[in-house]
Amino acid sequence: MSKKSDTAAAPYKKLVFMGTAYTDLTKFPAAAIRATGQALNKVQHGGNPDDFKAMPIIGSGAHEIRLHMGGQWRTIYVAKFENAVYVLHCFQKKTQKTAKRDIVLAQRRYTEMLDEVTK
């Protein structure tokens, strides 16, 4: 007789790429694309990436996947909604501080995401 687990598996969330986020991701080196995919897969299943941080400057629930492999690679996403993980921005970070243009772009896509979610 098999025993059921007390915890149900987290529901799988689809990925929704905002703007050019998917195209930008495809410009990462192959190893960074693979690592980003693995990190997003964890998020889709209710987990957290190995290296991430909250990005409240972008908006409520925004987080950044941080990869350090042949450069600094970042993916900003929101996973607070029931059915989807929204990927707002994928980029190479070239300085200690995230560039203002990357923050502004992610904020704009966050607003677009909210408009889409509340339709």
C-alpha atoms as a PDB file:
ATOM      1  CA  MET A   1       0.000   0.000   0.000  1.00  0.00           C
ATOM      2  CA  SER A   2       1.480   3.350  -0.988  1.00  0.00           C
ATOM      3  CA  LYS A   3       1.257   6.337   1.278  1.00  0.00           C
ATOM      4  CA  LYS A   4       0.311   9.737  -0.158  1.00  0.00           C
ATOM      5  CA  SER A   5       2.471  12.706   0.640  1.00  0.00           C
ATOM      6  CA  ASP A   6       0.983  15.338   2.929  1.00  0.00           C
ATOM      7  CA  THR A   7       2.132  18.092   0.590  1.00  0.00           C
ATOM      8  CA  ALA A   8       0.805  18.414  -2.929  1.00  0.00           C
ATOM      9  CA  ALA A   9       3.213  19.299  -5.688  1.00  0.00           C
ATOM     10  CA  ALA A  10       3.204  22.987  -6.570  1.00  0.00           C
ATOM     11  CA  PRO A  11       1.238  23.667  -9.749  1.00  0.00           C
ATOM     12  CA  TYR A  12       3.284  24.260 -12.860  1.00  0.00           C
ATOM     13  CA  LYS A  13       3.226  27.867 -14.080  1.00  0.00           C
ATOM     14  CA  LYS A  14       3.657  28.800 -17.730  1.00  0.00           C
ATOM     15  CA  LEU A  15       6.363  31.285 -18.763  1.00  0.00           C
ATOM     16  CA  VAL A  16       5.323  34.589 -20.298  1.00  0.00           C
ATOM     17  CA  PHE A  17       8.114  36.696 -21.792  1.00  0.00           C
ATOM     18  CA  MET A  18       7.407  40.426 -21.908  1.00  0.00           C
ATOM     19  CA  GLY A  19       8.681  42.593 -24.768  1.00  0.00           C
ATOM     20  CA  THR A  20      12.009  41.372 -26.151  1.00  0.00           C
ATOM     21  CA  ALA A  21      12.943  39.363 -23.040  1.00  0.00           C
ATOM     22  CA  TYR A  22      12.983  36.026 -24.912  1.00  0.00           C
ATOM     23  CA  THR A  23      15.050  37.386 -27.813  1.00  0.00           C
ATOM     24  CA  ASP A  24      17.432  38.989 -25.315  1.00  0.00           C
ATOM     25  CA  LEU A  25      17.781  35.667 -23.479  1.00  0.00           C
ATOM     26  CA  THR A  26      18.738  33.895 -26.718  1.00  0.00           C
ATOM     27  CA  LYS A  27      21.728  36.255 -26.983  1.00  0.00           C
ATOM     28  CA  PHE A  28      23.223  34.886 -23.731  1.00  0.00           C
ATOM     29  CA  PRO A  29      26.059  32.331 -24.054  1.00  0.00           C
ATOM     30  CA  ALA A  30      24.786  28.740 -24.292  1.00  0.00           C
ATOM     31  CA  ALA A  31      25.762  27.876 -20.693  1.00  0.00           C
ATOM     32  CA  ALA A  32      23.946  30.965 -19.355  1.00  0.00           C
ATOM     33  CA  ILE A  33      20.832  30.151 -21.408  1.00  0.00           C
ATOM     34  CA  ARG A  34      20.831  26.622 -19.972  1.00  0.00           C
ATOM     35  CA  ALA A  35      21.336  27.869 -16.398  1.00  0.00           C
ATOM     36  CA  THR A  36      18.601  30.489 -16.813  1.00  0.00           C
ATOM     37  CA  GLY A  37      16.230  27.804 -18.107  1.00  0.00           C
ATOM     38  CA  GLN A  38      16.990  25.588 -15.116  1.00  0.00           C
ATOM     39  CA  ALA A  39      16.449  28.492 -12.703  1.00  0.00           C
ATOM     40  CA  LEU A  40      13.155  29.474 -14.354  1.00  0.00           C
ATOM     41  CA  ASN A  41      12.033  25.843 -14.247  1.00  0.00           C
ATOM     42  CA  LYS A  42      12.506  25.855 -10.459  1.00  0.00           C
ATOM     43  CA  VAL A  43      10.409  29.019 -10.259  1.00  0.00           C
ATOM     44  CA  GLN A  44       7.707  27.492 -12.489  1.00  0.00           C
ATOM     45  CA  HIS A  45       7.413  24.628  -9.998  1.00  0.00           C
ATOM     46  CA  GLY A  46       7.191  26.869  -6.921  1.00  0.00           C
ATOM     47  CA  GLY A  47      10.863  26.905  -5.947  1.00  0.00           C
ATOM     48  CA  ASN A  48      13.604  29.512  -5.918  1.00  0.00           C
ATOM     49  CA  PRO A  49      16.700  29.810  -8.114  1.00  0.00           C
ATOM     50  CA  ASP A  50      20.053  29.082  -6.491  1.00  0.00           C
ATOM     51  CA  ASP A  51      21.134  32.754  -6.698  1.00  0.00           C
ATOM     52  CA  PHE A  52      18.429  35.403  -6.743  1.00  0.00           C
ATOM     53  CA  LYS A  53      17.402  38.596  -4.991  1.00  0.00           C
ATOM     54  CA  ALA A  54      14.255  40.642  -4.583  1.00  0.00           C
ATOM     55  CA  MET A  55      13.984  43.705  -6.815  1.00  0.00           C
ATOM     56  CA  PRO A  56      11.382  45.913  -5.082  1.00  0.00           C
ATOM     57  CA  ILE A  57      12.546  48.887  -7.159  1.00  0.00           C
ATOM     58  CA  ILE A  58      10.951  47.124 -10.156  1.00  0.00           C
ATOM     59  CA  GLY A  59       7.687  46.283  -8.389  1.00  0.00           C
ATOM     60  CA  SER A  60       6.058  44.031  -5.828  1.00  0.00           C
ATOM     61  CA  GLY A  61       7.123  40.410  -6.301  1.00  0.00           C
ATOM     62  CA  ALA A  62       9.915  41.144  -8.795  1.00  0.00           C
ATOM     63  CA  HIS A  63      13.094  39.073  -8.440  1.00  0.00           C
ATOM     64  CA  GLU A  64      16.383  38.808 -10.275  1.00  0.00           C
ATOM     65  CA  ILE A  65      18.136  35.568 -11.217  1.00  0.00           C
ATOM     66  CA  ARG A  66      21.885  36.164 -10.917  1.00  0.00           C
ATOM     67  CA  LEU A  67      24.327  34.152 -13.016  1.00  0.00           C
ATOM     68  CA  HIS A  68      28.106  34.472 -12.876  1.00  0.00           C
ATOM     69  CA  MET A  69      29.565  32.618 -15.846  1.00  0.00           C
ATOM     70  CA  GLY A  70      31.782  34.347 -18.381  1.00  0.00           C
ATOM     71  CA  GLY A  71      30.148  37.595 -17.298  1.00  0.00           C
ATOM     72  CA  GLN A  72      27.205  38.674 -15.194  1.00  0.00           C
ATOM     73  CA  TRP A  73      23.800  37.649 -16.581  1.00  0.00           C
ATOM     74  CA  ARG A  74      20.474  38.730 -15.116  1.00  0.00           C
ATOM     75  CA  THR A  75      16.845  37.742 -15.614  1.00  0.00           C
ATOM     76  CA  ILE A  76      14.137  39.748 -13.883  1.00  0.00           C
ATOM     77  CA  TYR A  77      10.872  37.885 -13.309  1.00  0.00           C
ATOM     78  CA  VAL A  78       7.626  37.965 -11.337  1.00  0.00           C
ATOM     79  CA  ALA A  79       6.100  34.725 -10.026  1.00  0.00           C
ATOM     80  CA  LYS A  80       3.449  36.028  -7.622  1.00  0.00           C
ATOM     81  CA  PHE A  81       0.527  35.193  -9.907  1.00  0.00           C
ATOM     82  CA  GLU A  82      -1.207  31.824  -9.847  1.00  0.00           C
ATOM     83  CA  ASN A  83      -0.876  30.739 -13.477  1.00  0.00           C
ATOM     84  CA  ALA A  84       2.322  32.265 -14.864  1.00  0.00           C
ATOM     85  CA  VAL A  85       5.873  33.410 -14.307  1.00  0.00           C
ATOM     86  CA  TYR A  86       6.419  36.700 -16.135  1.00  0.00           C
ATOM     87  CA  VAL A  87       9.940  37.259 -17.460  1.00  0.00           C
ATOM     88  CA  LEU A  88      10.368  41.012 -17.680  1.00  0.00           C
ATOM     89  CA  HIS A  89      13.967  41.504 -18.780  1.00  0.00           C
ATOM     90  CA  CYS A  90      17.121  39.513 -19.611  1.00  0.00           C
ATOM     91  CA  PHE A  91      20.452  41.322 -19.855  1.00  0.00           C
ATOM     92  CA  GLN A  92      24.182  41.268 -19.266  1.00  0.00           C
ATOM     93  CA  LYS A  93      25.210  43.302 -16.251  1.00  0.00           C
ATOM     94  CA  LYS A  94      28.460  45.130 -16.910  1.00  0.00           C
ATOM     95  CA  THR A  95      28.866  47.267 -13.786  1.00  0.00           C
ATOM     96  CA  GLN A  96      28.529  46.808 -10.020  1.00  0.00           C
ATOM     97  CA  LYS A  97      25.207  48.659  -9.993  1.00  0.00           C
ATOM     98  CA  THR A  98      22.328  47.698 -12.310  1.00  0.00           C
ATOM     99  CA  ALA A  99      22.132  50.267 -15.112  1.00  0.00           C
ATOM    100  CA  LYS A 100      19.279  52.770 -14.887  1.00  0.00           C
ATOM    101  CA  ARG A 101      18.096  51.831 -18.412  1.00  0.00           C
ATOM    102  CA  ASP A 102      17.675  48.191 -17.311  1.00  0.00           C
ATOM    103  CA  ILE A 103      15.683  49.219 -14.236  1.00  0.00           C
ATOM    104  CA  VAL A 104      13.462  51.592 -16.226  1.00  0.00           C
ATOM    105  CA  LEU A 105      12.825  48.942 -18.906  1.00  0.00           C
ATOM    106  CA  ALA A 106      11.912  46.313 -16.288  1.00  0.00           C
ATOM    107  CA  GLN A 107       9.616  48.814 -14.529  1.00  0.00           C
ATOM    108  CA  ARG A 108       7.847  49.587 -17.820  1.00  0.00           C
ATOM    109  CA  ARG A 109       7.368  45.877 -18.538  1.00  0.00           C
ATOM    110  CA  TYR A 110       6.133  45.360 -14.977  1.00  0.00           C
ATOM    111  CA  THR A 111       3.409  47.941 -15.634  1.00  0.00           C
ATOM    112  CA  GLU A 112       2.571  46.228 -18.955  1.00  0.00           C
ATOM    113  CA  MET A 113       2.401  42.884 -17.151  1.00  0.00           C
ATOM    114  CA  LEU A 114      -0.044  44.288 -14.593  1.00  0.00           C
ATOM    115  CA  ASP A 115      -2.213  45.625 -17.427  1.00  0.00           C
ATOM    116  CA  GLU A 116      -2.197  42.165 -19.036  1.00  0.00           C
ATOM    117  CA  VAL A 117      -2.990  40.339 -15.787  1.00  0.00           C
ATOM    118  CA  THR A 118      -5.902  42.615 -14.887  1.00  0.00           C
ATOM    119  CA  LYS A 119      -7.645  42.380 -18.306  1.00  0.00           C
END
